[in-house]
C-alpha atoms as a PDB file:
ATOM      1  CA  MET A   1     -11.025   3.623 -14.101  1.00  0.00           C
ATOM      2  CA  ASN A   2     -14.466   2.118 -13.646  1.00  0.00           C
ATOM      3  CA  LEU A   3     -14.795  -1.309 -12.065  1.00  0.00           C
ATOM      4  CA  GLY A   4     -18.447  -2.190 -12.417  1.00  0.00           C
ATOM      5  CA  GLN A   5     -20.221   0.433 -10.306  1.00  0.00           C
ATOM      6  CA  PHE A   6     -16.976   1.479  -8.595  1.00  0.00           C
ATOM      7  CA  GLU A   7     -14.803   4.394  -9.628  1.00  0.00           C
ATOM      8  CA  VAL A   8     -11.148   3.729  -8.819  1.00  0.00           C
ATOM      9  CA  ASN A   9      -8.295   6.254  -8.966  1.00  0.00           C
ATOM     10  CA  VAL A  10      -4.617   5.601  -8.285  1.00  0.00           C
ATOM     11  CA  ILE A  11      -3.038   8.612  -6.605  1.00  0.00           C
ATOM     12  CA  SER A  12       0.431   9.244  -5.239  1.00  0.00           C
ATOM     13  CA  GLY A  13       1.104   9.676  -1.548  1.00  0.00           C
ATOM     14  CA  GLY A  14       4.654  10.846  -2.298  1.00  0.00           C
ATOM     15  CA  ARG A  15       7.567   9.730  -4.445  1.00  0.00           C
ATOM     16  CA  LEU A  16      10.793   8.676  -2.773  1.00  0.00           C
ATOM     17  CA  ARG A  17      13.995   6.685  -3.103  1.00  0.00           C
ATOM     18  CA  LEU A  18      14.934   3.689  -0.938  1.00  0.00           C
ATOM     19  CA  ASP A  19      17.857   1.291  -0.873  1.00  0.00           C
ATOM     20  CA  GLY A  20      17.540  -1.188  -3.728  1.00  0.00           C
ATOM     21  CA  GLY A  21      18.989  -4.076  -1.762  1.00  0.00           C
ATOM     22  CA  ALA A  22      16.341  -3.618   0.920  1.00  0.00           C
ATOM     23  CA  MET A  23      13.611  -3.731  -1.700  1.00  0.00           C
ATOM     24  CA  PHE A  24      14.860  -6.958  -3.311  1.00  0.00           C
ATOM     25  CA  GLY A  25      16.313  -8.905  -0.394  1.00  0.00           C
ATOM     26  CA  VAL A  26      18.400 -11.927  -1.373  1.00  0.00           C
ATOM     27  CA  VAL A  27      18.268 -11.205  -5.122  1.00  0.00           C
ATOM     28  CA  PRO A  28      21.724 -10.215  -6.474  1.00  0.00           C
ATOM     29  CA  LYS A  29      22.031  -6.606  -7.535  1.00  0.00           C
ATOM     30  CA  PRO A  30      23.064  -7.422 -11.150  1.00  0.00           C
ATOM     31  CA  LEU A  31      19.599  -8.981 -11.580  1.00  0.00           C
ATOM     32  CA  TRP A  32      17.320  -6.446  -9.915  1.00  0.00           C
ATOM     33  CA  GLN A  33      19.251  -3.450 -11.240  1.00  0.00           C
ATOM     34  CA  LYS A  34      18.005  -4.335 -14.727  1.00  0.00           C
ATOM     35  CA  VAL A  35      14.478  -3.341 -13.690  1.00  0.00           C
ATOM     36  CA  ALA A  36      15.305  -0.766 -11.007  1.00  0.00           C
ATOM     37  CA  PRO A  37      18.340   1.433 -11.771  1.00  0.00           C
ATOM     38  CA  THR A  38      20.103   2.975  -8.775  1.00  0.00           C
ATOM     39  CA  ASP A  39      21.492   6.390  -7.958  1.00  0.00           C
ATOM     40  CA  ASP A  40      24.960   6.940  -6.491  1.00  0.00           C
ATOM     41  CA  GLN A  41      23.698   5.890  -3.047  1.00  0.00           C
ATOM     42  CA  ASN A  42      22.186   2.586  -4.243  1.00  0.00           C
ATOM     43  CA  ARG A  43      18.645   3.972  -3.991  1.00  0.00           C
ATOM     44  CA  ILE A  44      15.883   3.190  -6.473  1.00  0.00           C
ATOM     45  CA  GLN A  45      12.933   5.330  -7.507  1.00  0.00           C
ATOM     46  CA  MET A  46       9.664   4.384  -5.832  1.00  0.00           C
ATOM     47  CA  ASP A  47       6.180   5.758  -5.391  1.00  0.00           C
ATOM     48  CA  THR A  48       3.468   5.305  -2.798  1.00  0.00           C
ATOM     49  CA  ASN A  49       0.498   4.413  -4.961  1.00  0.00           C
ATOM     50  CA  LEU A  50      -2.748   4.802  -3.025  1.00  0.00           C
ATOM     51  CA  LEU A  51      -6.277   3.908  -4.095  1.00  0.00           C
ATOM     52  CA  PHE A  52      -9.187   6.315  -3.898  1.00  0.00           C
ATOM     53  CA  ILE A  53     -12.420   4.424  -4.451  1.00  0.00           C
ATOM     54  CA  GLN A  54     -16.004   5.581  -4.744  1.00  0.00           C
ATOM     55  CA  ALA A  55     -18.041   2.515  -3.813  1.00  0.00           C
ATOM     56  CA  ALA A  56     -21.389   1.790  -2.150  1.00  0.00           C
ATOM     57  CA  GLY A  57     -22.012   5.509  -1.722  1.00  0.00           C
ATOM     58  CA  LYS A  58     -18.758   5.965   0.222  1.00  0.00           C
ATOM     59  CA  ARG A  59     -15.419   7.605  -0.484  1.00  0.00           C
ATOM     60  CA  VAL A  60     -12.664   5.183   0.456  1.00  0.00           C
ATOM     61  CA  LEU A  61      -8.905   5.683   0.677  1.00  0.00           C
ATOM     62  CA  VAL A  62      -6.495   2.741   0.777  1.00  0.00           C
ATOM     63  CA  ASP A  63      -3.318   3.720   2.671  1.00  0.00           C
ATOM     64  CA  THR A  64      -2.195   7.315   3.215  1.00  0.00           C
ATOM     65  CA  GLY A  65       1.391   7.543   1.975  1.00  0.00           C
ATOM     66  CA  LEU A  66       4.244   9.612   3.369  1.00  0.00           C
ATOM     67  CA  GLY A  67       2.208  12.469   4.758  1.00  0.00           C
ATOM     68  CA  MET A  68       3.074  16.125   5.160  1.00  0.00           C
ATOM     69  CA  ASP A  69       5.258  16.157   8.240  1.00  0.00           C
ATOM     70  CA  LEU A  70       8.573  14.605   7.231  1.00  0.00           C
ATOM     71  CA  SER A  71      11.561  16.321   8.793  1.00  0.00           C
ATOM     72  CA  GLU A  72      14.088  18.010   6.536  1.00  0.00           C
ATOM     73  CA  LYS A  73      16.542  15.190   7.290  1.00  0.00           C
ATOM     74  CA  GLU A  74      13.973  12.574   6.277  1.00  0.00           C
ATOM     75  CA  ARG A  75      13.124  14.461   3.097  1.00  0.00           C
ATOM     76  CA  LEU A  76      16.788  14.557   2.085  1.00  0.00           C
ATOM     77  CA  HIS A  77      17.440  10.934   3.063  1.00  0.00           C
ATOM     78  CA  CYS A  78      14.648   9.470   0.953  1.00  0.00           C
ATOM     79  CA  CYS A  79      14.658  12.194  -1.744  1.00  0.00           C
ATOM     80  CA  TYR A  80      11.015  12.990  -1.016  1.00  0.00           C
ATOM     81  CA  GLU A  81       9.319  14.580  -4.017  1.00  0.00           C
ATOM     82  CA  GLY A  82       5.647  14.806  -2.982  1.00  0.00           C
ATOM     83  CA  PRO A  83       2.749  15.157  -3.477  1.00  0.00           C
ATOM     84  CA  ASP A  84       1.160  14.432  -0.124  1.00  0.00           C
ATOM     85  CA  VAL A  85      -2.176  12.631   0.017  1.00  0.00           C
ATOM     86  CA  VAL A  86      -4.210  15.797   0.639  1.00  0.00           C
ATOM     87  CA  THR A  87      -2.720  17.472  -2.427  1.00  0.00           C
ATOM     88  CA  ALA A  88      -3.311  14.336  -4.515  1.00  0.00           C
ATOM     89  CA  LEU A  89      -6.954  14.149  -3.427  1.00  0.00           C
ATOM     90  CA  GLY A  90      -7.302  17.832  -4.183  1.00  0.00           C
ATOM     91  CA  GLY A  91      -6.496  16.979  -7.784  1.00  0.00           C
ATOM     92  CA  LEU A  92      -9.704  14.934  -7.748  1.00  0.00           C
ATOM     93  CA  GLU A  93     -11.568  17.824  -6.057  1.00  0.00           C
ATOM     94  CA  VAL A  94     -11.922  15.788  -2.862  1.00  0.00           C
ATOM     95  CA  GLN A  95     -11.449  17.471   0.506  1.00  0.00           C
ATOM     96  CA  PRO A  96     -10.179  15.593   3.600  1.00  0.00           C
ATOM     97  CA  ALA A  97     -13.530  15.961   5.377  1.00  0.00           C
ATOM     98  CA  GLU A  98     -15.237  14.131   2.498  1.00  0.00           C
ATOM     99  CA  VAL A  99     -13.350  10.858   2.988  1.00  0.00           C
ATOM    100  CA  ASP A 100     -15.563   8.283   4.735  1.00  0.00           C
ATOM    101  CA  LEU A 101     -13.247   5.315   5.195  1.00  0.00           C
ATOM    102  CA  VAL A 102      -9.486   4.759   5.277  1.00  0.00           C
ATOM    103  CA  ILE A 103      -8.217   1.179   4.996  1.00  0.00           C
ATOM    104  CA  PHE A 104      -4.646   0.520   6.069  1.00  0.00           C
ATOM    105  CA  THR A 105      -2.878  -2.442   4.520  1.00  0.00           C
ATOM    106  CA  HIS A 106      -0.453  -2.127   7.440  1.00  0.00           C
ATOM    107  CA  LEU A 107       1.009   0.643   9.570  1.00  0.00           C
ATOM    108  CA  HIS A 108       4.588   1.118   8.366  1.00  0.00           C
ATOM    109  CA  TRP A 109       5.396   4.805   8.084  1.00  0.00           C
ATOM    110  CA  ASP A 110       5.330   4.914   4.269  1.00  0.00           C
ATOM    111  CA  HIS A 111       1.738   3.645   4.339  1.00  0.00           C
ATOM    112  CA  ALA A 112       0.365   5.397   7.414  1.00  0.00           C
ATOM    113  CA  ALA A 113       2.149   8.744   7.830  1.00  0.00           C
ATOM    114  CA  GLY A 114      -0.534  10.650   5.923  1.00  0.00           C
ATOM    115  CA  ALA A 115      -3.203   9.471   8.377  1.00  0.00           C
ATOM    116  CA  THR A 116      -2.417  12.287  10.792  1.00  0.00           C
ATOM    117  CA  THR A 117      -1.416  15.918  10.436  1.00  0.00           C
ATOM    118  CA  LYS A 118       0.352  18.255  12.828  1.00  0.00           C
ATOM    119  CA  GLN A 119      -1.953  20.913  14.240  1.00  0.00           C
ATOM    120  CA  GLY A 120      -0.131  23.178  16.637  1.00  0.00           C
ATOM    121  CA  ASP A 121       1.745  20.825  18.951  1.00  0.00           C
ATOM    122  CA  GLN A 122      -0.649  17.885  18.373  1.00  0.00           C
ATOM    123  CA  MET A 123      -1.112  15.238  15.721  1.00  0.00           C
ATOM    124  CA  VAL A 124      -4.735  15.003  14.601  1.00  0.00           C
ATOM    125  CA  PRO A 125      -6.521  12.789  12.043  1.00  0.00           C
ATOM    126  CA  THR A 126      -6.041  14.127   8.520  1.00  0.00           C
ATOM    127  CA  PHE A 127      -9.524  12.891   7.603  1.00  0.00           C
ATOM    128  CA  PRO A 128     -11.731  14.147  10.450  1.00  0.00           C
ATOM    129  CA  ASN A 129     -14.906  12.303   9.460  1.00  0.00           C
ATOM    130  CA  ALA A 130     -13.374   9.000   8.396  1.00  0.00           C
ATOM    131  CA  THR A 131     -13.274   5.633  10.079  1.00  0.00           C
ATOM    132  CA  TYR A 132      -9.778   4.133   9.837  1.00  0.00           C
ATOM    133  CA  CYS A 133      -9.619   0.318   9.547  1.00  0.00           C
ATOM    134  CA  VAL A 134      -6.660  -1.928  10.335  1.00  0.00           C
ATOM    135  CA  GLN A 135      -6.124  -5.448  11.636  1.00  0.00           C
ATOM    136  CA  ARG A 136      -6.001  -5.689  15.421  1.00  0.00           C
ATOM    137  CA  GLN A 137      -2.814  -7.779  15.147  1.00  0.00           C
ATOM    138  CA  GLU A 138      -1.177  -5.047  13.075  1.00  0.00           C
ATOM    139  CA  TYR A 139      -2.159  -2.350  15.562  1.00  0.00           C
ATOM    140  CA  LEU A 140      -0.819  -4.301  18.540  1.00  0.00           C
ATOM    141  CA  ASP A 141       2.428  -5.044  16.713  1.00  0.00           C
ATOM    142  CA  ALA A 142       2.752  -1.383  15.744  1.00  0.00           C
ATOM    143  CA  LEU A 143       2.405  -0.357  19.387  1.00  0.00           C
ATOM    144  CA  ASP A 144       5.231  -2.787  20.258  1.00  0.00           C
ATOM    145  CA  ASP A 145       7.322  -1.935  17.154  1.00  0.00           C
ATOM    146  CA  PHE A 146       7.330  -5.671  16.498  1.00  0.00           C
ATOM    147  CA  GLY A 147      10.027  -6.902  14.157  1.00  0.00           C
ATOM    148  CA  THR A 148      10.923  -3.578  12.559  1.00  0.00           C
ATOM    149  CA  GLY A 149      13.465  -1.935  14.808  1.00  0.00           C
ATOM    150  CA  LYS A 150      13.123   1.696  15.752  1.00  0.00           C
ATOM    151  CA  GLY A 151      11.200   3.801  13.278  1.00  0.00           C
ATOM    152  CA  GLY A 152       9.320   1.248  11.175  1.00  0.00           C
ATOM    153  CA  TYR A 153       6.182   2.145  13.062  1.00  0.00           C
ATOM    154  CA  ARG A 154       5.565   5.634  14.408  1.00  0.00           C
ATOM    155  CA  ARG A 155       2.891   6.032  17.038  1.00  0.00           C
ATOM    156  CA  GLU A 156       2.011   9.582  16.049  1.00  0.00           C
ATOM    157  CA  HIS A 157       0.547   8.185  12.836  1.00  0.00           C
ATOM    158  CA  PHE A 158      -2.039   5.900  14.446  1.00  0.00           C
ATOM    159  CA  VAL A 159      -2.420   6.397  18.222  1.00  0.00           C
ATOM    160  CA  PRO A 160      -4.312   9.737  17.724  1.00  0.00           C
ATOM    161  CA  LEU A 161      -6.864   7.823  15.641  1.00  0.00           C
ATOM    162  CA  GLU A 162      -7.715   5.563  18.558  1.00  0.00           C
ATOM    163  CA  GLN A 163      -7.705   8.440  21.008  1.00  0.00           C
ATOM    164  CA  ARG A 164     -10.347  10.236  18.935  1.00  0.00           C
ATOM    165  CA  GLY A 165     -12.499   7.132  18.455  1.00  0.00           C
ATOM    166  CA  GLN A 166     -11.877   6.877  14.713  1.00  0.00           C
ATOM    167  CA  LEU A 167      -9.979   3.558  14.658  1.00  0.00           C
ATOM    168  CA  GLN A 168     -11.751   0.294  13.856  1.00  0.00           C
ATOM    169  CA  LEU A 169      -9.776  -2.868  14.615  1.00  0.00           C
ATOM    170  CA  LEU A 170     -10.578  -5.838  12.365  1.00  0.00           C
ATOM    171  CA  GLU A 171     -10.351  -9.480  13.368  1.00  0.00           C
ATOM    172  CA  GLY A 172      -9.248 -11.327  10.228  1.00  0.00           C
ATOM    173  CA  ASP A 173     -10.763 -11.300   6.745  1.00  0.00           C
ATOM    174  CA  ALA A 174     -13.782  -9.015   6.441  1.00  0.00           C
ATOM    175  CA  GLU A 175     -16.063  -7.216   4.013  1.00  0.00           C
ATOM    176  CA  VAL A 176     -15.796  -3.592   5.096  1.00  0.00           C
ATOM    177  CA  LEU A 177     -18.248  -2.348   2.455  1.00  0.00           C
ATOM    178  CA  PRO A 178     -20.318  -4.217  -0.137  1.00  0.00           C
ATOM    179  CA  GLY A 179     -17.748  -5.350  -2.700  1.00  0.00           C
ATOM    180  CA  VAL A 180     -14.741  -4.138  -0.673  1.00  0.00           C
ATOM    181  CA  ARG A 181     -13.020  -6.941   1.217  1.00  0.00           C
ATOM    182  CA  VAL A 182      -9.791  -7.294   3.171  1.00  0.00           C
ATOM    183  CA  GLN A 183      -7.751 -10.499   3.317  1.00  0.00           C
ATOM    184  CA  VAL A 184      -5.046 -11.047   5.913  1.00  0.00           C
ATOM    185  CA  THR A 185      -1.871 -12.302   4.239  1.00  0.00           C
ATOM    186  CA  GLY A 186       0.848 -12.029   6.861  1.00  0.00           C
ATOM    187  CA  GLY A 187       4.296 -12.260   5.314  1.00  0.00           C
ATOM    188  CA  HIS A 188       5.371  -8.643   5.252  1.00  0.00           C
ATOM    189  CA  THR A 189       4.006  -8.126   8.757  1.00  0.00           C
ATOM    190  CA  ARG A 190       1.816 -10.403  10.880  1.00  0.00           C
ATOM    191  CA  GLY A 191      -1.231  -8.215  10.316  1.00  0.00           C
ATOM    192  CA  HIS A 192      -0.615  -7.238   6.693  1.00  0.00           C
ATOM    193  CA  GLN A 193      -3.726  -7.326   4.499  1.00  0.00           C
ATOM    194  CA  VAL A 194      -4.578  -6.948   0.814  1.00  0.00           C
ATOM    195  CA  ILE A 195      -7.720  -5.321  -0.576  1.00  0.00           C
ATOM    196  CA  HIS A 196     -10.176  -7.071  -2.916  1.00  0.00           C
ATOM    197  CA  LEU A 197     -12.692  -5.103  -4.999  1.00  0.00           C
ATOM    198  CA  GLU A 198     -15.640  -6.668  -6.832  1.00  0.00           C
ATOM    199  CA  SER A 199     -18.531  -5.066  -8.695  1.00  0.00           C
ATOM    200  CA  GLU A 200     -20.764  -6.414 -11.461  1.00  0.00           C
ATOM    201  CA  GLY A 201     -18.512  -9.426 -11.983  1.00  0.00           C
ATOM    202  CA  GLN A 202     -15.329  -7.375 -12.327  1.00  0.00           C
ATOM    203  CA  ARG A 203     -12.554  -7.894  -9.800  1.00  0.00           C
ATOM    204  CA  ALA A 204      -9.424  -6.077  -8.709  1.00  0.00           C
ATOM    205  CA  LEU A 205      -6.730  -6.612  -6.098  1.00  0.00           C
ATOM    206  CA  TYR A 206      -4.455  -4.184  -4.291  1.00  0.00           C
ATOM    207  CA  PHE A 207      -1.399  -6.322  -3.540  1.00  0.00           C
ATOM    208  CA  ALA A 208       0.154  -3.829  -1.104  1.00  0.00           C
ATOM    209  CA  ASP A 209       3.569  -5.015   0.121  1.00  0.00           C
ATOM    210  CA  THR A 210       2.851  -8.642  -0.743  1.00  0.00           C
ATOM    211  CA  MET A 211       3.894  -7.624  -4.259  1.00  0.00           C
ATOM    212  CA  PRO A 212       5.023  -3.979  -4.273  1.00  0.00           C
ATOM    213  CA  THR A 213       6.096  -3.957  -7.934  1.00  0.00           C
ATOM    214  CA  PRO A 214       5.538  -6.296 -10.895  1.00  0.00           C
ATOM    215  CA  ALA A 215       9.191  -7.373 -10.584  1.00  0.00           C
ATOM    216  CA  HIS A 216       8.283  -8.956  -7.249  1.00  0.00           C
ATOM    217  CA  LEU A 217       6.071 -11.469  -9.041  1.00  0.00           C
ATOM    218  CA  ARG A 218       9.127 -13.736  -9.230  1.00  0.00           C
ATOM    219  CA  PRO A 219       9.028 -16.177  -6.280  1.00  0.00           C
ATOM    220  CA  ALA A 220      12.407 -15.275  -4.752  1.00  0.00           C
ATOM    221  CA  TRP A 221      12.094 -11.536  -5.305  1.00  0.00           C
ATOM    222  CA  ASN A 222      10.933 -10.330  -1.912  1.00  0.00           C
ATOM    223  CA  MET A 223      11.725  -7.345   0.255  1.00  0.00           C
ATOM    224  CA  ALA A 224      14.288  -7.633   3.019  1.00  0.00           C
ATOM    225  CA  PHE A 225      11.636  -5.921   5.160  1.00  0.00           C
ATOM    226  CA  ASP A 226       9.392  -9.025   5.044  1.00  0.00           C
ATOM    227  CA  LEU A 227       9.232 -10.546   8.524  1.00  0.00           C
ATOM    228  CA  PHE A 228       8.040 -13.913   7.199  1.00  0.00           C
ATOM    229  CA  PRO A 229       9.288 -14.157   3.593  1.00  0.00           C
ATOM    230  CA  LEU A 230       8.132 -17.740   2.982  1.00  0.00           C
ATOM    231  CA  ASP A 231       4.592 -16.662   3.807  1.00  0.00           C
ATOM    232  CA  THR A 232       4.963 -13.795   1.349  1.00  0.00           C
ATOM    233  CA  VAL A 233       5.997 -16.234  -1.396  1.00  0.00           C
ATOM    234  CA  ARG A 234       3.121 -18.591  -0.690  1.00  0.00           C
ATOM    235  CA  VAL A 235       0.449 -15.905  -0.597  1.00  0.00           C
ATOM    236  CA  LYS A 236       1.631 -13.795  -3.517  1.00  0.00           C
ATOM    237  CA  LEU A 237       1.851 -16.805  -5.846  1.00  0.00           C
ATOM    238  CA  ALA A 238      -1.595 -18.052  -4.829  1.00  0.00           C
ATOM    239  CA  LEU A 239      -3.088 -14.609  -5.439  1.00  0.00           C
ATOM    240  CA  ALA A 240      -1.176 -14.102  -8.690  1.00  0.00           C
ATOM    241  CA  ASN A 241      -2.377 -17.411 -10.093  1.00  0.00           C
ATOM    242  CA  GLN A 242      -5.959 -16.632  -9.164  1.00  0.00           C
ATOM    243  CA  ALA A 243      -5.614 -13.154 -10.669  1.00  0.00           C
ATOM    244  CA  ALA A 244      -4.392 -14.676 -13.933  1.00  0.00           C
ATOM    245  CA  ASP A 245      -7.140 -17.306 -14.018  1.00  0.00           C
ATOM    246  CA  GLU A 246      -9.915 -14.809 -13.295  1.00  0.00           C
ATOM    247  CA  ASN A 247      -8.567 -11.766 -15.190  1.00  0.00           C
ATOM    248  CA  TRP A 248      -8.328  -9.421 -12.218  1.00  0.00           C
ATOM    249  CA  ILE A 249      -6.941  -5.899 -12.386  1.00  0.00           C
ATOM    250  CA  CYS A 250      -3.967  -5.687 -10.017  1.00  0.00           C
ATOM    251  CA  PHE A 251      -2.564  -2.597  -8.319  1.00  0.00           C
ATOM    252  CA  PHE A 252       1.078  -2.254  -7.201  1.00  0.00           C
ATOM    253  CA  ASP A 253       1.781   0.061  -4.300  1.00  0.00           C
ATOM    254  CA  HIS A 254       5.416   1.050  -4.901  1.00  0.00           C
ATOM    255  CA  ASP A 255       6.112   0.908  -8.634  1.00  0.00           C
ATOM    256  CA  PRO A 256       6.858   4.378 -10.065  1.00  0.00           C
ATOM    257  CA  THR A 257       5.559   3.565 -13.559  1.00  0.00           C
ATOM    258  CA  VAL A 258       3.380   0.429 -13.560  1.00  0.00           C
ATOM    259  CA  ARG A 259       0.647   1.226 -11.096  1.00  0.00           C
ATOM    260  CA  ALA A 260      -1.862  -1.277 -12.456  1.00  0.00           C
ATOM    261  CA  GLY A 261      -1.845  -4.300 -14.715  1.00  0.00           C
ATOM    262  CA  ARG A 262      -3.114  -7.814 -15.253  1.00  0.00           C
ATOM    263  CA  VAL A 263      -1.243 -10.994 -14.384  1.00  0.00           C
ATOM    264  CA  VAL A 264      -1.085 -13.146 -17.492  1.00  0.00           C
ATOM    265  CA  ARG A 265       0.125 -16.700 -18.072  1.00  0.00           C
ATOM    266  CA  GLY A 266       2.338 -17.414 -21.089  1.00  0.00           C
ATOM    267  CA  GLU A 267       2.392 -20.584 -23.138  1.00  0.00           C
ATOM    268  CA  SER A 268       5.059 -22.032 -20.844  1.00  0.00           C
ATOM    269  CA  GLY A 269       2.840 -21.331 -17.848  1.00  0.00           C
ATOM    270  CA  ARG A 270       5.101 -18.580 -16.576  1.00  0.00           C
ATOM    271  CA  LEU A 271       3.351 -15.575 -15.072  1.00  0.00           C
ATOM    272  CA  SER A 272       4.067 -11.966 -16.014  1.00  0.00           C
ATOM    273  CA  VAL A 273       2.362  -8.576 -15.650  1.00  0.00           C
ATOM    274  CA  ALA A 274       0.788  -6.791 -18.597  1.00  0.00           C
ATOM    275  CA  PRO A 275       0.626  -3.086 -17.631  1.00  0.00           C
ATOM    276  CA  LEU A 276      -2.613  -1.181 -17.997  1.00  0.00           C
ATOM    277  CA  THR A 277      -2.432   2.099 -19.879  1.00  0.00           C
ATOM    278  CA  ARG A 278      -4.936   4.934 -19.771  1.00  0.00           C
END
């Protein structure tokens, strides 16, 4: 789609299945199963919806998805279906060397694994000419595996970026390019950030894991992975109300069908998501 002078594409960084209870936290299964049917192992279908943006003369990628180097065990466990980010960009006739900037919302493996690629016995940046941006707090927490237990963060996805001088650590909210702005939200992780886009009076928001699917618009519907769920509630509702008031386009990073929509307010004042169709 076009957003003012920006061209924005939603691409997949790999489809997968994850435990439904983990994705909806304290919400009872009879409620969330109405919008997210499960398989025989209680897993629901998900996607890793990435943004590829052409803005201010730059080619920008938001998050990198599941990558190309999952083990066979991991592929079976999460029912990995592909495509990887390089294949998805290839569908837009974009080569890895042509990406100028990668913005991480955070560094969990399903958002950062595509940032590096195995080359021989080393992990190297997938996008050799890109600067990779992330919050300093997120990077430090990823190094310590803060709050996730083993495996939430995987150093091979981000340490090689610093070693090769391609990692830029941000200190709070920032405009990384004209019209492309990051906002620290916390909630999901301490350094989690969302991405704001603005061009010619049109605005869009990539909610990332603050609101991974439209179903998570409901206040209590949060992921069990959220380290600070009350912060998630506060931030997502503030952003959703502003999105409704100002008619933003909103992108959802894990929904397998509704990748973009607008938050609308009904006559009762209740918020809902109206999906965008091509």
